[in-house]
């Protein structure tokens, strides 16, 4: 195979990214099957029993928690080193819809380290953790979605943290993690959140939350937060927010906080997108993202293909980001604008400056509403060295603005009036 590189042209795509093998159940260690330990598909909440089984497996040298056919109810679970999770065909691990079953803990959420609710599945410091299988991890989030929109109706300034609710999966401070084959669905809040992790793979997962009849607010498919070497491959993502969002911190002094940081060497390929707000979003809590490659994707519906959010209260740097080989339908092909929702300078008198550079979008055949949704804001950020090449776009609105980007290279770009 010809050697491939990340967008900076000098960082090779390591062989680790090409190894997409998913282990069989018998390779995951000694099996601990729920029903063999008195945990039944009976509609009751089994948080304490499942957690005790995880603890027992850890004490006995590790193994795999096996969810067989049926629906098994639980609150927050905390996995230990050496203990994996397998959800079998027809098996569903379903979360409680009562916040009481997710006891407050020190965690990471929305670019901050703080006390908040844990996820349904939590794994901290669990190098080598695998969660896989053909079954489902279901957040059971409908009650939380309704509560959020009711609160937002009463208070339009309601934030995500005002209507407290758990994520589906939170993995932190871990290396060599694999999430494969699972249906990850109906999260109360973010679906998958990885923080300070290295070498994480999402392979062949279906990640879903509805946009109707009740919208599932902020149910991002995969949030990547201060991580390196992440592969998202052969996944189907349809959520009522961003599909893949890059995070890392926010606020006027975020870059000096050691809990924050950047993301690098992220590869998203061969994925299908249903409805989402952004296929790739450098997000509302993001500091530095470098060497991000998205390729060979199909978009069925969505708002933004590549969305660079730039906060007036945070110094951000987005560099060497490439999106290639995209087909399908999208509202906005390229979106770069200030992101002003809930920003807070916290007394800082000058606005932090941001930079987006070496951004490439190429080899795309797409229908969209707006082709070029890019706003110049020189008092806040600089956009430079963008390349748009080999594009066949059908758009209701072209939107191209001369001078919005310094050194914009256009090569073989066709934009037809839709």
Protein backbone atom coordinates (compact mmCIF):
# COMPACT_ATOMS: atom_id res chain seq x y z
CA UNK A 1 0.00 0.00 0.00
CA UNK A 2 1.22 3.47 -0.88
CA UNK A 3 2.17 5.44 2.21
CA UNK A 4 -0.48 7.96 3.20
CA UNK A 5 -0.13 11.16 5.18
CA UNK A 6 -2.29 13.41 7.29
CA UNK A 7 -3.10 16.85 5.84
CA UNK A 8 0.19 18.49 6.86
CA UNK A 9 1.89 16.21 4.33
CA UNK A 10 4.65 15.06 6.70
CA UNK A 11 2.81 13.09 9.41
CA UNK A 12 2.23 9.52 8.20
CA UNK A 13 -1.03 7.69 8.79
CA UNK A 14 0.28 4.99 11.07
CA UNK A 15 -0.43 1.30 10.44
CA UNK A 16 -2.62 1.30 13.55
CA UNK A 17 -5.33 3.11 11.54
CA UNK A 18 -5.53 0.28 9.00
CA UNK A 19 -6.11 -2.48 11.55
CA UNK A 20 -9.91 -2.64 11.73
CA UNK A 21 -10.31 -6.17 13.03
CA UNK A 22 -12.98 -6.62 15.71
CA UNK A 23 -12.35 -9.41 18.25
CA UNK A 24 -14.80 -12.27 18.77
CA UNK A 25 -16.54 -12.65 22.12
CA UNK A 26 -14.27 -15.51 23.18
CA UNK A 27 -11.24 -13.25 22.76
CA UNK A 28 -12.47 -10.71 25.30
CA UNK A 29 -11.77 -12.77 28.40
CA UNK A 30 -13.80 -14.81 30.84
CA UNK A 31 -17.52 -14.20 30.17
CA UNK A 32 -19.79 -12.91 32.91
CA UNK A 33 -23.28 -13.31 31.44
CA UNK A 34 -25.90 -11.20 33.21
CA UNK A 35 -28.54 -13.91 33.38
CA UNK A 36 -26.08 -16.41 34.87
CA UNK A 37 -25.65 -14.05 37.81
CA UNK A 38 -29.29 -13.39 38.60
CA UNK A 39 -29.71 -10.27 36.47
CA UNK A 40 -32.84 -10.75 34.41
CA UNK A 41 -34.90 -9.10 31.71
CA UNK A 42 -37.64 -8.20 34.19
CA UNK A 43 -38.11 -4.42 33.87
CA UNK A 44 -36.35 -3.78 37.19
CA UNK A 45 -33.33 -1.55 37.66
CA UNK A 46 -30.18 -3.64 38.14
CA UNK A 47 -27.49 -0.99 38.62
CA UNK A 48 -26.08 -2.38 41.87
CA UNK A 49 -26.02 -5.98 40.61
CA UNK A 50 -24.33 -5.12 37.30
CA UNK A 51 -21.78 -2.89 39.03
CA UNK A 52 -21.05 -5.69 41.53
CA UNK A 53 -20.47 -8.04 38.58
CA UNK A 54 -18.05 -5.56 36.98
CA UNK A 55 -16.19 -5.27 40.29
CA UNK A 56 -16.10 -9.04 40.70
CA UNK A 57 -14.73 -9.54 37.17
CA UNK A 58 -11.99 -7.00 37.92
CA UNK A 59 -11.08 -8.70 41.20
CA UNK A 60 -10.94 -12.08 39.47
CA UNK A 61 -8.46 -10.92 36.86
CA UNK A 62 -10.71 -9.38 34.22
CA UNK A 63 -13.17 -10.60 31.63
CA UNK A 64 -16.20 -9.44 29.70
CA UNK A 65 -19.70 -8.47 30.86
CA UNK A 66 -22.10 -10.14 28.44
CA UNK A 67 -25.59 -8.73 27.84
CA UNK A 68 -27.68 -11.54 26.30
CA UNK A 69 -30.95 -11.26 24.42
CA UNK A 70 -33.46 -9.13 26.33
CA UNK A 71 -33.66 -5.64 27.83
CA UNK A 72 -31.68 -4.96 31.01
CA UNK A 73 -32.22 -1.73 32.93
CA UNK A 74 -29.45 0.14 34.74
CA UNK A 75 -28.19 3.48 35.95
CA UNK A 76 -24.58 4.67 35.72
CA UNK A 77 -21.96 1.91 35.44
CA UNK A 78 -18.23 2.30 36.00
CA UNK A 79 -15.94 -0.14 34.20
CA UNK A 80 -12.62 -1.23 35.64
CA UNK A 81 -9.31 -2.06 33.93
CA UNK A 82 -9.43 -5.46 32.26
CA UNK A 83 -13.25 -5.62 32.11
CA UNK A 84 -14.89 -5.34 28.69
CA UNK A 85 -18.53 -5.12 27.53
CA UNK A 86 -20.28 -7.25 24.92
CA UNK A 87 -23.94 -6.76 23.97
CA UNK A 88 -25.24 -9.78 22.10
CA UNK A 89 -27.73 -10.05 19.26
CA UNK A 90 -31.11 -8.91 20.55
CA UNK A 91 -29.56 -7.61 23.75
CA UNK A 92 -30.25 -4.10 25.02
CA UNK A 93 -28.55 -2.37 27.93
CA UNK A 94 -31.05 0.39 28.66
CA UNK A 95 -30.44 3.39 30.85
CA UNK A 96 -32.73 4.70 33.53
CA UNK A 97 -34.60 7.88 32.65
CA UNK A 98 -34.33 9.15 36.24
CA UNK A 99 -31.36 11.51 36.93
CA UNK A 100 -31.23 10.13 40.48
CA UNK A 101 -29.66 6.96 39.04
CA UNK A 102 -26.62 8.93 37.82
CA UNK A 103 -24.89 10.17 41.01
CA UNK A 104 -22.83 13.34 40.68
CA UNK A 105 -19.12 12.86 40.11
CA UNK A 106 -16.02 14.76 39.00
CA UNK A 107 -16.13 14.63 35.23
CA UNK A 108 -15.63 16.64 32.05
CA UNK A 109 -18.45 18.35 30.18
CA UNK A 110 -18.78 21.20 27.67
CA UNK A 111 -15.10 22.13 27.80
CA UNK A 112 -14.91 22.21 31.59
CA UNK A 113 -13.83 19.84 34.35
CA UNK A 114 -16.45 19.98 37.06
CA UNK A 115 -19.02 18.13 39.16
CA UNK A 116 -21.72 16.80 36.88
CA UNK A 117 -23.66 13.66 36.04
CA UNK A 118 -21.70 10.64 34.83
CA UNK A 119 -22.66 8.75 31.69
CA UNK A 120 -24.53 5.48 31.47
CA UNK A 121 -21.25 3.74 30.56
CA UNK A 122 -18.14 5.21 32.24
CA UNK A 123 -14.57 4.01 31.80
CA UNK A 124 -11.64 5.95 33.25
CA UNK A 125 -8.04 4.75 33.08
CA UNK A 126 -9.04 1.55 31.28
CA UNK A 127 -6.30 0.92 28.71
CA UNK A 128 -7.39 -1.76 26.25
CA UNK A 129 -11.11 -1.36 26.95
CA UNK A 130 -13.42 -2.91 24.33
CA UNK A 131 -17.19 -2.53 24.06
CA UNK A 132 -18.70 -4.28 21.09
CA UNK A 133 -21.36 -6.65 19.77
CA UNK A 134 -24.44 -6.48 17.55
CA UNK A 135 -26.79 -5.34 20.33
CA UNK A 136 -27.73 -1.91 21.63
CA UNK A 137 -26.84 0.51 24.40
CA UNK A 138 -29.99 2.62 24.71
CA UNK A 139 -30.08 5.81 26.75
CA UNK A 140 -33.89 5.89 27.03
CA UNK A 141 -33.70 9.68 26.76
CA UNK A 142 -37.26 10.71 25.84
CA UNK A 143 -38.15 11.99 29.31
CA UNK A 144 -35.03 14.19 29.39
CA UNK A 145 -35.65 15.57 25.90
CA UNK A 146 -39.17 16.63 26.82
CA UNK A 147 -37.94 18.21 30.05
CA UNK A 148 -35.25 20.17 28.18
CA UNK A 149 -37.62 21.68 25.64
CA UNK A 150 -40.17 22.52 28.33
CA UNK A 151 -37.49 24.34 30.30
CA UNK A 152 -36.24 26.10 27.14
CA UNK A 153 -39.83 27.26 26.45
CA UNK A 154 -39.96 28.74 29.97
CA UNK A 155 -36.40 30.14 29.76
CA UNK A 156 -35.02 30.65 26.23
CA UNK A 157 -31.52 31.09 27.71
CA UNK A 158 -31.57 27.61 29.25
CA UNK A 159 -28.24 25.84 28.64
CA UNK A 160 -27.50 22.13 28.44
CA UNK A 161 -26.20 22.15 31.99
CA UNK A 162 -29.36 23.85 33.26
CA UNK A 163 -31.39 20.78 32.29
CA UNK A 164 -29.10 18.19 33.82
CA UNK A 165 -28.92 14.79 32.16
CA UNK A 166 -26.34 12.06 31.56
CA UNK A 167 -24.34 11.19 28.46
CA UNK A 168 -24.47 7.67 27.03
CA UNK A 169 -20.75 6.77 26.96
CA UNK A 170 -17.83 8.59 28.60
CA UNK A 171 -14.29 7.20 28.26
CA UNK A 172 -11.39 9.14 29.73
CA UNK A 173 -7.63 8.87 30.34
CA UNK A 174 -7.41 5.64 28.36
CA UNK A 175 -5.40 4.15 25.49
CA UNK A 176 -6.18 1.47 22.90
CA UNK A 177 -9.96 1.63 23.15
CA UNK A 178 -12.32 -0.08 20.71
CA UNK A 179 -16.06 0.59 20.28
CA UNK A 180 -17.42 -1.63 17.52
CA UNK A 181 -20.63 -2.89 15.96
CA UNK A 182 -22.98 -1.51 18.59
CA UNK A 183 -26.20 0.43 18.22
CA UNK A 184 -25.63 3.46 20.45
CA UNK A 185 -28.94 5.25 20.64
CA UNK A 186 -31.37 7.59 22.35
CA UNK A 187 -28.83 9.35 24.55
CA UNK A 188 -30.12 11.90 27.05
CA UNK A 189 -27.19 14.19 26.10
CA UNK A 190 -23.95 13.55 24.15
CA UNK A 191 -23.79 9.98 22.85
CA UNK A 192 -20.04 9.23 22.95
CA UNK A 193 -17.53 11.47 24.72
CA UNK A 194 -13.83 10.60 24.84
CA UNK A 195 -11.47 12.77 26.89
CA UNK A 196 -7.68 12.62 27.15
CA UNK A 197 -7.53 9.35 25.24
CA UNK A 198 -5.08 7.94 22.72
CA UNK A 199 -5.70 5.36 20.01
CA UNK A 200 -9.49 5.05 20.04
CA UNK A 201 -11.47 3.30 17.30
CA UNK A 202 -15.18 3.51 16.52
CA UNK A 203 -15.84 0.81 13.91
CA UNK A 204 -19.14 -0.19 12.33
CA UNK A 205 -21.36 1.50 14.91
CA UNK A 206 -24.85 2.89 14.33
CA UNK A 207 -25.29 6.06 16.39
CA UNK A 208 -28.80 7.46 16.49
CA UNK A 209 -31.04 9.95 18.24
CA UNK A 210 -34.20 11.46 16.75
CA UNK A 211 -34.88 14.91 15.35
CA UNK A 212 -38.64 14.22 15.46
CA UNK A 213 -41.26 14.01 16.80
CA UNK A 214 -39.36 15.05 19.96
CA UNK A 215 -35.92 16.46 19.20
CA UNK A 216 -33.11 14.89 21.20
CA UNK A 217 -31.11 18.01 22.21
CA UNK A 218 -27.30 18.02 21.95
CA UNK A 219 -26.98 14.31 21.33
CA UNK A 220 -23.66 14.56 19.42
CA UNK A 221 -22.61 11.21 17.97
CA UNK A 222 -18.90 11.39 18.90
CA UNK A 223 -17.24 14.18 20.90
CA UNK A 224 -13.44 14.08 20.74
CA UNK A 225 -11.93 16.11 23.57
CA UNK A 226 -8.12 16.50 23.98
CA UNK A 227 -7.37 13.23 22.17
CA UNK A 228 -4.88 11.90 19.64
CA UNK A 229 -5.07 9.06 17.11
CA UNK A 230 -8.80 8.46 16.70
CA UNK A 231 -10.40 6.40 13.92
CA UNK A 232 -14.11 6.59 13.05
CA UNK A 233 -14.82 4.07 10.29
CA UNK A 234 -17.88 2.49 8.67
CA UNK A 235 -20.24 4.18 11.10
CA UNK A 236 -23.78 5.44 10.48
CA UNK A 237 -24.45 8.67 12.38
CA UNK A 238 -27.85 10.34 12.65
CA UNK A 239 -28.28 12.64 15.64
CA UNK A 240 -29.96 15.90 16.56
CA UNK A 241 -26.67 17.80 16.78
CA UNK A 242 -23.12 17.35 15.51
CA UNK A 243 -21.95 13.98 14.23
CA UNK A 244 -18.20 14.28 14.93
CA UNK A 245 -17.35 17.29 17.09
CA UNK A 246 -13.84 18.30 18.17
CA UNK A 247 -13.64 19.83 21.62
CA UNK A 248 -10.91 20.86 24.05
CA UNK A 249 -11.89 23.82 26.23
CA UNK A 250 -13.48 27.24 26.17
CA UNK A 251 -13.18 30.66 27.74
CA UNK A 252 -10.83 33.66 27.67
CA UNK A 253 -8.00 31.81 29.46
CA UNK A 254 -8.80 28.28 28.32
CA UNK A 255 -5.40 27.79 26.69
CA UNK A 256 -3.65 28.15 30.07
CA UNK A 257 -5.75 25.47 31.81
CA UNK A 258 -3.86 22.12 31.91
CA UNK A 259 -7.18 20.23 31.78
CA UNK A 260 -7.70 21.58 28.25
CA UNK A 261 -5.84 20.92 25.02
CA UNK A 262 -5.97 20.01 21.37
CA UNK A 263 -6.84 17.09 19.12
CA UNK A 264 -4.57 15.62 16.49
CA UNK A 265 -4.43 12.78 14.00
CA UNK A 266 -8.17 12.16 13.63
CA UNK A 267 -9.37 10.02 10.69
CA UNK A 268 -13.06 9.70 9.77
CA UNK A 269 -13.74 7.54 6.72
CA UNK A 270 -16.33 5.44 4.92
CA UNK A 271 -19.22 6.73 7.04
CA UNK A 272 -22.85 7.52 6.24
CA UNK A 273 -24.59 10.54 7.76
CA UNK A 274 -28.29 10.89 8.30
CA UNK A 275 -29.65 14.10 9.76
CA UNK A 276 -27.09 16.04 11.80
CA UNK A 277 -26.12 19.64 12.48
CA UNK A 278 -22.50 19.19 11.41
CA UNK A 279 -20.69 16.26 9.77
CA UNK A 280 -17.38 17.56 11.12
CA UNK A 281 -17.52 20.43 13.59
CA UNK A 282 -14.61 22.21 15.20
CA UNK A 283 -16.85 22.93 18.03
CA UNK A 284 -18.13 25.46 20.43
CA UNK A 285 -15.60 24.20 22.99
CA UNK A 286 -12.46 23.77 20.89
CA UNK A 287 -8.89 25.11 21.15
CA UNK A 288 -6.46 23.48 18.71
CA UNK A 289 -7.24 20.87 16.07
CA UNK A 290 -4.51 19.64 13.71
CA UNK A 291 -4.28 16.88 11.11
CA UNK A 292 -7.95 16.04 10.78
CA UNK A 293 -8.93 13.96 7.73
CA UNK A 294 -12.48 13.10 6.67
CA UNK A 295 -12.89 11.08 3.48
CA UNK A 296 -15.20 8.84 1.50
CA UNK A 297 -18.44 9.84 3.19
CA UNK A 298 -22.07 9.97 2.06
CA UNK A 299 -24.44 12.57 3.48
CA UNK A 300 -28.17 11.87 3.29
CA UNK A 301 -29.26 15.02 5.11
CA UNK A 302 -27.79 17.65 7.38
CA UNK A 303 -27.03 21.31 8.01
CA UNK A 304 -23.24 21.67 7.64
CA UNK A 305 -20.56 19.55 6.00
CA UNK A 306 -17.50 21.28 7.50
CA UNK A 307 -18.35 23.74 10.28
CA UNK A 308 -15.69 25.87 11.91
CA UNK A 309 -17.18 27.58 14.97
CA UNK A 310 -15.07 30.50 16.21
CA UNK A 311 -15.85 31.85 19.69
CA UNK A 312 -15.32 35.54 20.50
CA UNK A 313 -14.15 34.59 24.01
CA UNK A 314 -11.63 31.83 23.16
CA UNK A 315 -8.33 31.72 21.29
CA UNK A 316 -8.72 28.90 18.74
CA UNK A 317 -6.43 27.42 16.10
CA UNK A 318 -7.73 25.06 13.42
CA UNK A 319 -5.08 23.82 11.00
CA UNK A 320 -4.51 21.12 8.42
CA UNK A 321 -8.09 19.94 8.13
CA UNK A 322 -9.09 18.08 4.96
CA UNK A 323 -12.49 16.80 3.81
CA UNK A 324 -12.51 14.70 0.62
CA UNK A 325 -14.72 12.45 -1.49
CA UNK A 326 -18.11 13.57 -0.26
CA UNK A 327 -21.40 12.89 -2.00
CA UNK A 328 -24.95 13.71 -1.02
CA UNK A 329 -27.16 16.50 0.24
CA UNK A 330 -26.24 19.18 2.77
CA UNK A 331 -27.68 22.56 3.74
CA UNK A 332 -24.35 24.42 3.97
CA UNK A 333 -21.30 23.06 2.18
CA UNK A 334 -18.67 25.13 4.02
CA UNK A 335 -19.52 27.13 7.14
CA UNK A 336 -17.09 29.40 8.98
CA UNK A 337 -18.66 31.99 11.28
CA UNK A 338 -18.44 33.49 14.77
CA UNK A 339 -20.14 31.32 17.42
CA UNK A 340 -21.73 33.61 19.97
CA UNK A 341 -24.10 31.34 21.89
CA UNK A 342 -23.46 31.67 25.63
CA UNK A 343 -20.00 33.21 25.20
CA UNK A 344 -18.50 35.03 28.19
CA UNK A 345 -15.33 37.15 28.23
CA UNK A 346 -15.34 37.00 32.07
CA UNK A 347 -13.96 40.49 32.39
CA UNK A 348 -11.29 40.19 29.69
CA UNK A 349 -11.23 43.49 27.82
CA UNK A 350 -9.64 42.31 24.56
CA UNK A 351 -11.09 39.62 22.35
CA UNK A 352 -8.84 36.56 21.97
CA UNK A 353 -7.66 36.12 18.38
CA UNK A 354 -8.22 32.91 16.41
CA UNK A 355 -6.79 31.38 13.25
CA UNK A 356 -8.04 28.80 10.74
CA UNK A 357 -5.47 27.78 8.11
CA UNK A 358 -4.59 25.03 5.68
CA UNK A 359 -8.19 23.92 5.22
CA UNK A 360 -8.92 21.75 2.17
CA UNK A 361 -12.21 20.47 0.75
CA UNK A 362 -12.02 18.46 -2.45
CA UNK A 363 -13.41 15.75 -4.73
CA UNK A 364 -17.05 16.36 -3.79
CA UNK A 365 -20.33 16.04 -5.67
CA UNK A 366 -23.08 17.60 -3.52
CA UNK A 367 -26.45 19.30 -3.56
CA UNK A 368 -26.81 22.10 -1.05
CA UNK A 369 -28.74 25.21 -0.16
CA UNK A 370 -25.66 27.41 0.40
CA UNK A 371 -22.24 26.65 -1.06
CA UNK A 372 -19.99 29.22 0.68
CA UNK A 373 -21.27 30.26 4.10
CA UNK A 374 -18.12 32.01 5.26
CA UNK A 375 -18.09 35.26 7.23
CA UNK A 376 -15.05 37.52 7.46
CA UNK A 377 -14.46 38.84 10.99
CA UNK A 378 -10.91 40.25 10.97
CA UNK A 379 -11.31 41.74 14.43
CA UNK A 380 -11.83 38.20 15.80
CA UNK A 381 -10.06 35.73 13.52
CA UNK A 382 -7.94 35.17 10.42
CA UNK A 383 -8.85 32.69 7.68
CA UNK A 384 -6.01 31.81 5.32
CA UNK A 385 -4.67 29.16 2.99
CA UNK A 386 -7.93 27.43 2.08
CA UNK A 387 -8.07 25.10 -0.94
CA UNK A 388 -11.31 24.13 -2.69
CA UNK A 389 -10.69 21.69 -5.54
CA UNK A 390 -12.52 19.27 -7.81
CA UNK A 391 -15.96 20.32 -6.60
CA UNK A 392 -19.25 19.81 -8.44
CA UNK A 393 -21.85 21.68 -6.42
CA UNK A 394 -25.50 22.38 -7.10
CA UNK A 395 -26.63 25.19 -4.79
CA UNK A 396 -29.63 27.47 -4.44
CA UNK A 397 -27.28 30.15 -3.08
CA UNK A 398 -23.64 30.43 -4.10
CA UNK A 399 -22.72 32.81 -1.28
CA UNK A 400 -19.13 33.29 -2.35
CA UNK A 401 -17.53 36.36 -0.77
CA UNK A 402 -14.35 37.71 -2.30
CA UNK A 403 -11.69 38.39 0.32
CA UNK A 404 -13.22 36.38 3.17
CA UNK A 405 -10.19 34.07 3.06
CA UNK A 406 -6.57 35.11 2.55
CA UNK A 407 -4.90 33.03 -0.15
CA UNK A 408 -7.94 31.07 -1.27
CA UNK A 409 -6.97 28.52 -3.93
CA UNK A 410 -9.85 27.46 -6.22
CA UNK A 411 -9.17 24.56 -8.58
CA UNK A 412 -11.73 23.00 -10.89
CA UNK A 413 -14.74 24.25 -8.94
CA UNK A 414 -18.19 24.22 -10.57
CA UNK A 415 -21.17 25.69 -8.74
CA UNK A 416 -24.47 25.35 -10.58
CA UNK A 417 -27.67 27.18 -9.72
CA UNK A 418 -30.02 24.62 -8.21
